[in-house]
N, C-alpha and C. Protein backbone atom coordinates (compact mmCIF):
# COMPACT_ATOMS: atom_id res chain seq x y z
N MET A 1 13.27 16.56 9.79
CA MET A 1 11.93 16.08 9.52
C MET A 1 11.80 15.71 8.05
N ASN A 2 11.24 14.55 7.78
CA ASN A 2 11.05 14.09 6.41
C ASN A 2 9.92 14.84 5.73
N THR A 3 10.11 15.12 4.44
CA THR A 3 9.02 15.70 3.68
C THR A 3 8.08 14.57 3.26
N VAL A 4 6.82 14.92 3.05
CA VAL A 4 5.83 13.90 2.69
C VAL A 4 5.25 14.19 1.32
N GLU A 5 4.69 13.15 0.72
CA GLU A 5 3.97 13.27 -0.53
C GLU A 5 2.70 12.46 -0.43
N ILE A 6 1.73 12.79 -1.25
CA ILE A 6 0.47 12.04 -1.25
C ILE A 6 0.66 10.79 -2.09
N GLU A 7 0.32 9.65 -1.50
CA GLU A 7 0.40 8.39 -2.22
C GLU A 7 -0.91 8.10 -2.94
N THR A 8 -2.03 8.28 -2.24
CA THR A 8 -3.34 8.03 -2.82
C THR A 8 -4.40 8.61 -1.89
N LYS A 9 -5.63 8.53 -2.30
CA LYS A 9 -6.74 8.89 -1.42
C LYS A 9 -7.81 7.83 -1.57
N SER A 10 -8.63 7.70 -0.54
CA SER A 10 -9.64 6.65 -0.52
C SER A 10 -10.92 7.11 -1.19
N LYS A 11 -11.79 6.15 -1.43
CA LYS A 11 -13.18 6.47 -1.76
C LYS A 11 -13.80 7.03 -0.49
N PRO A 12 -14.93 7.71 -0.59
CA PRO A 12 -15.61 8.17 0.63
C PRO A 12 -15.99 6.97 1.52
N ALA A 13 -15.74 7.10 2.80
CA ALA A 13 -16.02 6.01 3.75
C ALA A 13 -17.53 5.78 3.87
N LYS A 14 -17.85 4.53 4.13
CA LYS A 14 -19.24 4.14 4.39
C LYS A 14 -19.36 3.83 5.87
N HIS A 15 -20.60 3.73 6.34
CA HIS A 15 -20.83 3.40 7.74
C HIS A 15 -20.13 2.09 8.09
N GLY A 16 -19.35 2.08 9.17
CA GLY A 16 -18.66 0.88 9.62
C GLY A 16 -17.23 0.75 9.14
N ASP A 17 -16.79 1.60 8.22
CA ASP A 17 -15.41 1.54 7.73
C ASP A 17 -14.45 2.06 8.79
N TYR A 18 -13.16 1.77 8.61
CA TYR A 18 -12.14 2.12 9.59
C TYR A 18 -11.02 2.93 8.94
N VAL A 19 -10.45 3.84 9.72
CA VAL A 19 -9.20 4.48 9.35
C VAL A 19 -8.11 3.75 10.12
N VAL A 20 -7.14 3.23 9.39
CA VAL A 20 -6.04 2.47 9.98
C VAL A 20 -4.77 3.29 9.80
N ALA A 21 -3.95 3.33 10.85
CA ALA A 21 -2.70 4.09 10.80
C ALA A 21 -1.54 3.22 11.26
N ARG A 22 -0.45 3.30 10.51
CA ARG A 22 0.79 2.69 10.95
C ARG A 22 1.29 3.50 12.14
N ILE A 23 1.96 2.87 13.06
CA ILE A 23 2.49 3.54 14.24
C ILE A 23 3.91 4.01 13.93
N ASP A 24 4.16 5.30 14.12
CA ASP A 24 5.49 5.83 13.82
C ASP A 24 6.47 5.55 14.95
N GLU A 25 7.69 6.01 14.80
CA GLU A 25 8.76 5.75 15.77
C GLU A 25 8.46 6.32 17.15
N ASN A 26 7.56 7.30 17.23
CA ASN A 26 7.19 7.92 18.51
C ASN A 26 5.87 7.38 19.06
N GLY A 27 5.35 6.30 18.45
CA GLY A 27 4.11 5.71 18.92
C GLY A 27 2.86 6.45 18.48
N GLN A 28 3.01 7.37 17.52
CA GLN A 28 1.89 8.18 17.04
C GLN A 28 1.35 7.64 15.72
N PRO A 29 0.10 7.99 15.38
CA PRO A 29 -0.45 7.58 14.08
C PRO A 29 0.36 8.18 12.95
N ALA A 30 0.73 7.36 11.98
CA ALA A 30 1.48 7.84 10.81
C ALA A 30 0.63 7.58 9.57
N GLU A 31 1.24 7.02 8.55
CA GLU A 31 0.54 6.74 7.29
C GLU A 31 -0.85 6.16 7.57
N GLN A 32 -1.88 6.76 6.99
CA GLN A 32 -3.26 6.34 7.24
C GLN A 32 -3.93 5.90 5.95
N TYR A 33 -4.84 4.94 6.07
CA TYR A 33 -5.59 4.45 4.91
C TYR A 33 -6.93 3.94 5.39
N LEU A 34 -7.86 3.82 4.46
CA LEU A 34 -9.21 3.38 4.78
C LEU A 34 -9.33 1.88 4.53
N VAL A 35 -9.98 1.18 5.47
CA VAL A 35 -10.26 -0.24 5.31
C VAL A 35 -11.76 -0.43 5.49
N THR A 36 -12.36 -1.16 4.57
CA THR A 36 -13.80 -1.36 4.65
C THR A 36 -14.16 -2.26 5.83
N ASP A 37 -15.38 -2.12 6.26
CA ASP A 37 -15.92 -2.93 7.35
C ASP A 37 -15.80 -4.42 7.03
N ALA A 38 -16.06 -4.80 5.79
CA ALA A 38 -15.99 -6.21 5.39
C ALA A 38 -14.57 -6.75 5.39
N LYS A 39 -13.60 -5.93 4.99
CA LYS A 39 -12.21 -6.39 4.87
C LYS A 39 -11.46 -6.36 6.20
N PHE A 40 -11.87 -5.48 7.11
CA PHE A 40 -11.14 -5.28 8.36
C PHE A 40 -10.85 -6.58 9.13
N PRO A 41 -11.86 -7.45 9.38
CA PRO A 41 -11.56 -8.66 10.17
C PRO A 41 -10.69 -9.69 9.46
N THR A 42 -10.43 -9.51 8.17
CA THR A 42 -9.51 -10.41 7.48
C THR A 42 -8.06 -9.96 7.62
N LEU A 43 -7.87 -8.71 8.07
CA LEU A 43 -6.53 -8.15 8.18
C LEU A 43 -6.05 -7.95 9.61
N TYR A 44 -7.00 -7.72 10.54
CA TYR A 44 -6.66 -7.36 11.91
C TYR A 44 -7.43 -8.22 12.89
N ASP A 45 -6.80 -8.58 14.00
CA ASP A 45 -7.41 -9.41 15.03
C ASP A 45 -8.43 -8.56 15.80
N VAL A 46 -9.71 -8.79 15.50
CA VAL A 46 -10.77 -7.95 16.09
C VAL A 46 -10.88 -8.14 17.60
N ASN A 47 -10.32 -9.21 18.15
CA ASN A 47 -10.36 -9.45 19.59
C ASN A 47 -9.17 -8.85 20.33
N SER A 48 -8.29 -8.17 19.60
CA SER A 48 -7.06 -7.66 20.22
C SER A 48 -7.13 -6.18 20.57
N ALA A 49 -8.24 -5.53 20.34
CA ALA A 49 -8.34 -4.08 20.51
C ALA A 49 -8.08 -3.66 21.95
N VAL A 50 -7.20 -2.70 22.10
CA VAL A 50 -6.95 -2.06 23.40
C VAL A 50 -6.88 -0.56 23.17
N ASN A 51 -7.33 0.21 24.17
CA ASN A 51 -7.23 1.66 24.08
C ASN A 51 -5.77 2.07 24.08
N ASP A 52 -5.47 3.05 23.27
CA ASP A 52 -4.11 3.56 23.18
C ASP A 52 -4.11 4.99 23.72
N GLU A 53 -2.98 5.41 24.26
CA GLU A 53 -2.89 6.76 24.82
C GLU A 53 -3.06 7.85 23.77
N THR A 54 -3.02 7.49 22.48
CA THR A 54 -3.21 8.46 21.40
C THR A 54 -4.69 8.77 21.17
N GLY A 55 -5.59 8.00 21.81
CA GLY A 55 -7.03 8.16 21.57
C GLY A 55 -7.55 7.20 20.51
N TRP A 56 -6.67 6.45 19.88
CA TRP A 56 -7.05 5.45 18.89
C TRP A 56 -7.14 4.10 19.60
N LEU A 57 -7.58 3.07 18.91
CA LEU A 57 -7.52 1.70 19.40
C LEU A 57 -6.31 1.03 18.74
N ARG A 58 -5.65 0.17 19.49
CA ARG A 58 -4.49 -0.55 18.98
C ARG A 58 -4.93 -1.99 18.68
N TYR A 59 -4.66 -2.44 17.45
CA TYR A 59 -5.02 -3.80 17.01
C TYR A 59 -3.76 -4.54 16.55
N LYS A 60 -3.78 -5.85 16.75
CA LYS A 60 -2.71 -6.69 16.20
C LYS A 60 -3.05 -7.05 14.76
N VAL A 61 -2.02 -7.10 13.94
CA VAL A 61 -2.15 -7.49 12.54
C VAL A 61 -2.25 -9.01 12.46
N ILE A 62 -3.14 -9.52 11.64
CA ILE A 62 -3.17 -10.96 11.37
C ILE A 62 -2.02 -11.24 10.40
N SER A 63 -1.10 -12.07 10.82
CA SER A 63 0.08 -12.35 10.02
C SER A 63 -0.30 -13.17 8.79
N GLN A 64 -0.04 -12.61 7.62
CA GLN A 64 -0.34 -13.28 6.36
C GLN A 64 0.84 -13.12 5.42
N ASP A 65 1.17 -14.20 4.73
CA ASP A 65 2.20 -14.11 3.70
C ASP A 65 1.66 -13.30 2.52
N ARG A 66 2.51 -12.45 2.00
CA ARG A 66 2.17 -11.66 0.82
C ARG A 66 3.35 -11.72 -0.13
N LEU A 67 3.09 -11.46 -1.40
CA LEU A 67 4.18 -11.35 -2.36
C LEU A 67 4.46 -9.88 -2.60
N ALA A 68 5.74 -9.54 -2.51
CA ALA A 68 6.17 -8.16 -2.71
C ALA A 68 7.12 -8.11 -3.89
N LEU A 69 7.01 -7.03 -4.63
CA LEU A 69 7.85 -6.80 -5.78
C LEU A 69 8.49 -5.43 -5.59
N ILE A 70 9.80 -5.42 -5.34
CA ILE A 70 10.52 -4.17 -5.14
C ILE A 70 10.92 -3.64 -6.51
N TRP A 71 10.50 -2.42 -6.81
CA TRP A 71 10.73 -1.85 -8.14
C TRP A 71 12.17 -1.36 -8.24
N THR A 72 13.02 -2.16 -8.85
CA THR A 72 14.45 -1.87 -8.99
C THR A 72 14.78 -1.45 -10.42
N PRO A 73 15.96 -0.86 -10.64
CA PRO A 73 16.35 -0.54 -12.03
C PRO A 73 16.36 -1.79 -12.91
N GLU A 74 16.79 -2.93 -12.37
CA GLU A 74 16.81 -4.18 -13.14
C GLU A 74 15.40 -4.56 -13.59
N LEU A 75 14.44 -4.42 -12.68
CA LEU A 75 13.06 -4.74 -13.00
C LEU A 75 12.50 -3.76 -14.04
N GLN A 76 12.80 -2.50 -13.89
CA GLN A 76 12.34 -1.50 -14.86
C GLN A 76 12.90 -1.82 -16.24
N ASP A 77 14.19 -2.15 -16.33
CA ASP A 77 14.81 -2.50 -17.61
C ASP A 77 14.15 -3.75 -18.21
N LEU A 78 13.90 -4.76 -17.39
CA LEU A 78 13.27 -5.99 -17.85
C LEU A 78 11.91 -5.70 -18.47
N LEU A 79 11.11 -4.89 -17.81
CA LEU A 79 9.79 -4.60 -18.34
C LEU A 79 9.84 -3.71 -19.57
N GLU A 80 10.80 -2.80 -19.63
CA GLU A 80 10.91 -1.96 -20.82
C GLU A 80 11.31 -2.80 -22.04
N ILE A 81 12.16 -3.81 -21.83
CA ILE A 81 12.55 -4.70 -22.92
C ILE A 81 11.35 -5.53 -23.39
N ARG A 82 10.56 -6.04 -22.44
CA ARG A 82 9.41 -6.88 -22.79
C ARG A 82 8.21 -6.07 -23.26
N ASN A 83 8.24 -4.79 -23.05
CA ASN A 83 7.09 -3.95 -23.34
C ASN A 83 7.11 -3.49 -24.80
N GLN A 84 6.62 -4.31 -25.68
CA GLN A 84 6.59 -3.98 -27.11
C GLN A 84 5.50 -2.97 -27.44
N TYR A 85 4.53 -2.83 -26.58
CA TYR A 85 3.37 -1.99 -26.88
C TYR A 85 3.40 -0.66 -26.15
N GLU A 86 4.47 -0.36 -25.46
CA GLU A 86 4.68 0.90 -24.77
C GLU A 86 3.55 1.24 -23.79
N VAL A 87 3.07 0.21 -23.11
CA VAL A 87 1.99 0.42 -22.15
C VAL A 87 2.44 1.34 -21.02
N PHE A 88 3.70 1.27 -20.62
CA PHE A 88 4.16 2.09 -19.50
C PHE A 88 4.30 3.56 -19.88
N ASN A 89 4.10 3.90 -21.14
CA ASN A 89 4.10 5.30 -21.55
C ASN A 89 2.70 5.90 -21.47
N ARG A 90 1.70 5.11 -21.16
CA ARG A 90 0.34 5.62 -21.00
C ARG A 90 0.25 6.43 -19.72
N GLU A 91 -0.77 7.24 -19.66
CA GLU A 91 -0.92 8.10 -18.48
C GLU A 91 -1.12 7.28 -17.20
N VAL A 92 -2.05 6.33 -17.23
CA VAL A 92 -2.35 5.53 -16.04
C VAL A 92 -2.66 4.10 -16.48
N LEU A 93 -2.01 3.12 -15.84
CA LEU A 93 -2.31 1.72 -16.11
C LEU A 93 -3.54 1.30 -15.32
N SER A 94 -4.37 0.48 -15.90
CA SER A 94 -5.48 -0.11 -15.17
C SER A 94 -4.95 -1.26 -14.31
N GLN A 95 -5.74 -1.73 -13.37
CA GLN A 95 -5.34 -2.91 -12.59
C GLN A 95 -5.09 -4.09 -13.53
N ALA A 96 -5.93 -4.28 -14.54
CA ALA A 96 -5.77 -5.41 -15.47
C ALA A 96 -4.46 -5.31 -16.23
N GLN A 97 -4.09 -4.11 -16.69
CA GLN A 97 -2.82 -3.95 -17.40
C GLN A 97 -1.64 -4.20 -16.47
N LEU A 98 -1.73 -3.71 -15.25
CA LEU A 98 -0.65 -3.92 -14.29
C LEU A 98 -0.51 -5.40 -13.97
N VAL A 99 -1.62 -6.08 -13.74
CA VAL A 99 -1.59 -7.52 -13.47
C VAL A 99 -0.93 -8.27 -14.63
N TYR A 100 -1.26 -7.87 -15.85
CA TYR A 100 -0.68 -8.51 -17.03
C TYR A 100 0.85 -8.36 -17.01
N PHE A 101 1.34 -7.15 -16.82
CA PHE A 101 2.79 -6.94 -16.85
C PHE A 101 3.49 -7.54 -15.65
N ILE A 102 2.85 -7.54 -14.49
CA ILE A 102 3.44 -8.21 -13.32
C ILE A 102 3.58 -9.70 -13.61
N GLY A 103 2.63 -10.24 -14.36
CA GLY A 103 2.69 -11.66 -14.74
C GLY A 103 3.86 -12.00 -15.64
N LEU A 104 4.47 -11.01 -16.29
CA LEU A 104 5.64 -11.24 -17.15
C LEU A 104 6.94 -11.33 -16.35
N ILE A 105 6.88 -10.95 -15.09
CA ILE A 105 8.09 -10.87 -14.28
C ILE A 105 8.44 -12.25 -13.72
N PRO A 106 9.67 -12.71 -13.91
CA PRO A 106 10.07 -14.01 -13.34
C PRO A 106 9.90 -14.03 -11.82
N PHE A 107 9.49 -15.17 -11.30
CA PHE A 107 9.18 -15.31 -9.88
C PHE A 107 10.36 -14.95 -8.98
N LYS A 108 11.59 -15.11 -9.47
CA LYS A 108 12.77 -14.83 -8.65
C LYS A 108 12.81 -13.38 -8.16
N HIS A 109 12.07 -12.48 -8.80
CA HIS A 109 12.06 -11.08 -8.40
C HIS A 109 11.10 -10.79 -7.24
N PHE A 110 10.24 -11.74 -6.92
CA PHE A 110 9.26 -11.55 -5.86
C PHE A 110 9.85 -11.98 -4.52
N ARG A 111 9.40 -11.36 -3.46
CA ARG A 111 9.82 -11.70 -2.10
C ARG A 111 8.58 -11.99 -1.27
N LYS A 112 8.67 -13.01 -0.43
CA LYS A 112 7.58 -13.30 0.49
C LYS A 112 7.76 -12.39 1.71
N VAL A 113 6.69 -11.67 2.08
CA VAL A 113 6.75 -10.73 3.20
C VAL A 113 5.55 -10.92 4.11
N LYS A 114 5.68 -10.38 5.33
CA LYS A 114 4.58 -10.38 6.31
C LYS A 114 4.59 -9.04 7.02
N LYS A 115 3.38 -8.58 7.37
CA LYS A 115 3.30 -7.41 8.23
C LYS A 115 3.71 -7.84 9.62
N HIS A 116 4.44 -7.00 10.32
CA HIS A 116 4.91 -7.40 11.64
C HIS A 116 4.45 -6.45 12.74
N SER A 117 3.72 -5.42 12.39
CA SER A 117 3.43 -4.40 13.38
C SER A 117 1.97 -4.40 13.80
N GLU A 118 1.74 -3.72 14.89
CA GLU A 118 0.39 -3.41 15.30
C GLU A 118 -0.01 -2.13 14.58
N VAL A 119 -1.29 -1.83 14.58
CA VAL A 119 -1.78 -0.61 13.95
C VAL A 119 -2.69 0.13 14.91
N LEU A 120 -2.89 1.40 14.62
CA LEU A 120 -3.86 2.21 15.35
C LEU A 120 -5.10 2.34 14.46
N VAL A 121 -6.28 2.29 15.09
CA VAL A 121 -7.52 2.25 14.32
C VAL A 121 -8.55 3.16 14.97
N ARG A 122 -9.34 3.79 14.12
CA ARG A 122 -10.51 4.54 14.58
C ARG A 122 -11.62 4.33 13.56
N HIS A 123 -12.85 4.54 13.99
CA HIS A 123 -13.97 4.47 13.04
C HIS A 123 -13.93 5.67 12.12
N ALA A 124 -14.15 5.43 10.84
CA ALA A 124 -14.20 6.51 9.87
C ALA A 124 -15.55 7.22 9.95
N GLU A 125 -15.54 8.49 9.66
CA GLU A 125 -16.80 9.24 9.53
C GLU A 125 -17.40 8.90 8.16
N VAL A 126 -18.71 8.81 8.08
CA VAL A 126 -19.37 8.56 6.80
C VAL A 126 -18.96 9.66 5.82
N ASP A 127 -18.58 9.26 4.63
CA ASP A 127 -18.12 10.13 3.54
C ASP A 127 -16.72 10.71 3.75
N GLU A 128 -16.03 10.32 4.82
CA GLU A 128 -14.66 10.78 5.03
C GLU A 128 -13.76 10.22 3.92
N VAL A 129 -12.89 11.06 3.40
CA VAL A 129 -11.90 10.64 2.42
C VAL A 129 -10.54 10.68 3.12
N VAL A 130 -9.85 9.57 3.13
CA VAL A 130 -8.56 9.47 3.80
C VAL A 130 -7.46 9.68 2.76
N VAL A 131 -6.63 10.66 3.00
CA VAL A 131 -5.50 10.95 2.12
C VAL A 131 -4.28 10.26 2.73
N THR A 132 -3.70 9.34 1.99
CA THR A 132 -2.53 8.60 2.47
C THR A 132 -1.28 9.38 2.10
N LYS A 133 -0.54 9.79 3.13
CA LYS A 133 0.70 10.54 2.94
C LYS A 133 1.86 9.67 3.38
N VAL A 134 2.94 9.69 2.61
CA VAL A 134 4.12 8.88 2.88
C VAL A 134 5.36 9.75 2.82
N VAL A 135 6.47 9.22 3.32
CA VAL A 135 7.74 9.93 3.21
C VAL A 135 8.08 10.07 1.73
N ALA A 136 8.42 11.27 1.32
CA ALA A 136 8.67 11.55 -0.10
C ALA A 136 9.86 10.75 -0.61
N ASN A 137 9.69 10.23 -1.81
CA ASN A 137 10.74 9.53 -2.53
C ASN A 137 11.14 10.46 -3.67
N ASP A 138 12.39 10.92 -3.68
CA ASP A 138 12.83 11.90 -4.66
C ASP A 138 13.07 11.33 -6.06
N SER A 139 12.88 10.02 -6.21
CA SER A 139 13.03 9.41 -7.54
C SER A 139 11.94 9.94 -8.46
N PRO A 140 12.21 9.96 -9.76
CA PRO A 140 11.17 10.39 -10.68
C PRO A 140 10.03 9.36 -10.76
N LEU A 141 8.86 9.84 -11.11
CA LEU A 141 7.71 8.98 -11.30
C LEU A 141 7.97 8.08 -12.51
N LEU A 142 7.83 6.76 -12.31
CA LEU A 142 8.02 5.82 -13.42
C LEU A 142 6.72 5.60 -14.16
N PHE A 143 5.64 5.38 -13.42
CA PHE A 143 4.31 5.23 -14.00
C PHE A 143 3.29 5.34 -12.88
N GLU A 144 2.03 5.45 -13.26
CA GLU A 144 0.93 5.44 -12.31
C GLU A 144 -0.02 4.32 -12.70
N PHE A 145 -0.73 3.81 -11.71
CA PHE A 145 -1.75 2.81 -12.01
C PHE A 145 -2.99 3.10 -11.19
N GLU A 146 -4.09 2.51 -11.62
CA GLU A 146 -5.35 2.68 -10.93
C GLU A 146 -5.47 1.59 -9.88
N ALA A 147 -5.58 2.01 -8.64
CA ALA A 147 -5.72 1.05 -7.53
C ALA A 147 -7.13 0.45 -7.55
N ALA A 148 -7.32 -0.59 -6.77
CA ALA A 148 -8.61 -1.28 -6.71
C ALA A 148 -9.74 -0.36 -6.27
N TRP A 149 -9.41 0.74 -5.58
CA TRP A 149 -10.43 1.68 -5.11
C TRP A 149 -10.58 2.85 -6.08
N ASP A 150 -10.10 2.67 -7.33
CA ASP A 150 -10.29 3.62 -8.43
C ASP A 150 -9.55 4.94 -8.27
N GLU A 151 -8.47 4.96 -7.54
CA GLU A 151 -7.63 6.15 -7.42
C GLU A 151 -6.24 5.81 -7.95
N ARG A 152 -5.53 6.82 -8.37
CA ARG A 152 -4.18 6.63 -8.89
C ARG A 152 -3.19 6.35 -7.77
N MET A 153 -2.21 5.51 -8.10
CA MET A 153 -1.07 5.28 -7.22
C MET A 153 0.18 5.44 -8.06
N PRO A 154 1.17 6.18 -7.56
CA PRO A 154 2.43 6.35 -8.30
C PRO A 154 3.37 5.18 -8.03
N VAL A 155 4.28 4.94 -8.94
CA VAL A 155 5.36 3.98 -8.71
C VAL A 155 6.66 4.69 -9.03
N LYS A 156 7.57 4.66 -8.05
CA LYS A 156 8.90 5.24 -8.18
C LYS A 156 9.92 4.15 -7.86
N MET A 157 11.15 4.41 -8.21
CA MET A 157 12.21 3.44 -7.96
C MET A 157 12.28 3.08 -6.48
N ASN A 158 12.42 1.80 -6.19
CA ASN A 158 12.51 1.19 -4.85
C ASN A 158 11.19 1.14 -4.09
N ASP A 159 10.09 1.57 -4.71
CA ASP A 159 8.78 1.34 -4.11
C ASP A 159 8.50 -0.15 -4.15
N VAL A 160 7.49 -0.56 -3.41
CA VAL A 160 7.13 -1.97 -3.33
C VAL A 160 5.69 -2.14 -3.78
N LEU A 161 5.47 -3.10 -4.65
CA LEU A 161 4.12 -3.47 -5.04
C LEU A 161 3.76 -4.74 -4.30
N ILE A 162 2.63 -4.71 -3.62
CA ILE A 162 2.11 -5.91 -2.96
C ILE A 162 1.15 -6.56 -3.94
N VAL A 163 1.38 -7.85 -4.23
CA VAL A 163 0.62 -8.56 -5.23
C VAL A 163 -0.27 -9.58 -4.53
N LEU A 164 -1.56 -9.32 -4.53
CA LEU A 164 -2.55 -10.22 -3.96
C LEU A 164 -3.29 -10.92 -5.10
N ASP A 165 -4.15 -11.87 -4.75
CA ASP A 165 -4.92 -12.56 -5.78
C ASP A 165 -5.79 -11.61 -6.59
N ASP A 166 -6.40 -10.64 -5.90
CA ASP A 166 -7.39 -9.80 -6.57
C ASP A 166 -7.00 -8.34 -6.72
N GLU A 167 -5.80 -7.96 -6.28
CA GLU A 167 -5.39 -6.58 -6.44
C GLU A 167 -3.88 -6.41 -6.25
N ILE A 168 -3.40 -5.30 -6.78
CA ILE A 168 -2.01 -4.90 -6.60
C ILE A 168 -2.05 -3.48 -6.06
N TYR A 169 -1.24 -3.22 -5.05
CA TYR A 169 -1.14 -1.85 -4.55
C TYR A 169 0.29 -1.53 -4.18
N ARG A 170 0.57 -0.23 -4.11
CA ARG A 170 1.91 0.26 -3.83
C ARG A 170 2.07 0.58 -2.34
N ILE A 171 3.27 0.33 -1.84
CA ILE A 171 3.67 0.82 -0.53
C ILE A 171 5.01 1.53 -0.75
N ALA A 172 5.06 2.79 -0.36
CA ALA A 172 6.32 3.52 -0.47
C ALA A 172 7.38 2.79 0.36
N ARG A 173 8.61 2.81 -0.10
CA ARG A 173 9.67 1.99 0.50
C ARG A 173 9.89 2.29 1.99
N HIS A 174 9.88 3.55 2.37
CA HIS A 174 10.09 3.89 3.77
C HIS A 174 9.03 3.23 4.66
N GLU A 175 7.77 3.33 4.26
CA GLU A 175 6.67 2.74 5.04
C GLU A 175 6.72 1.22 4.99
N PHE A 176 7.12 0.67 3.85
CA PHE A 176 7.27 -0.78 3.75
C PHE A 176 8.29 -1.29 4.77
N ASP A 177 9.44 -0.63 4.83
CA ASP A 177 10.50 -1.07 5.74
C ASP A 177 10.07 -1.00 7.21
N LEU A 178 9.14 -0.11 7.54
CA LEU A 178 8.65 0.01 8.91
C LEU A 178 7.51 -0.95 9.23
N THR A 179 6.92 -1.55 8.22
CA THR A 179 5.69 -2.32 8.41
C THR A 179 5.84 -3.80 8.09
N TYR A 180 6.77 -4.16 7.22
CA TYR A 180 6.88 -5.53 6.74
C TYR A 180 8.25 -6.12 7.08
N ILE A 181 8.29 -7.45 7.16
CA ILE A 181 9.56 -8.16 7.26
C ILE A 181 9.64 -9.14 6.09
N MET A 182 10.86 -9.33 5.59
CA MET A 182 11.06 -10.27 4.48
C MET A 182 11.62 -11.56 5.01
């Protein structure tokens, strides 16, 4: 059995928000995260819901191209060389600081990816906080950044950063490999 670590936690859920879970190898809910009511229909096919034997609803993912950045030793070295201001030695990077440094990375390091899986979904309870747990990565913590939902996210070697127009977030490598295709 794999050990787990906490990746992040959500803001308290509001009425209409959803808890989304990746489906594990046994068809059970795995890594869970909160999706707002407004964002949900942009990510999941709202007409695809079917009851699942787990008690959750099963939804199809809307296939969207995303840019992924796999945090490799080469990438870490590149940013340390370019980092004249030692920003990565700070306790936590803001989204703006992270966006700035991601912008320094040559495009050849990015990969186009798509989600390929279905997800399990349930309605969140008002004020519920969802703790996202992932398979532990024994690599040392390289840095932390503030996610768009104002919580810290760690970055370790071989983790993946998903780079969207308005936010960057981390996906632990094990969960990335189960959820995305390159």
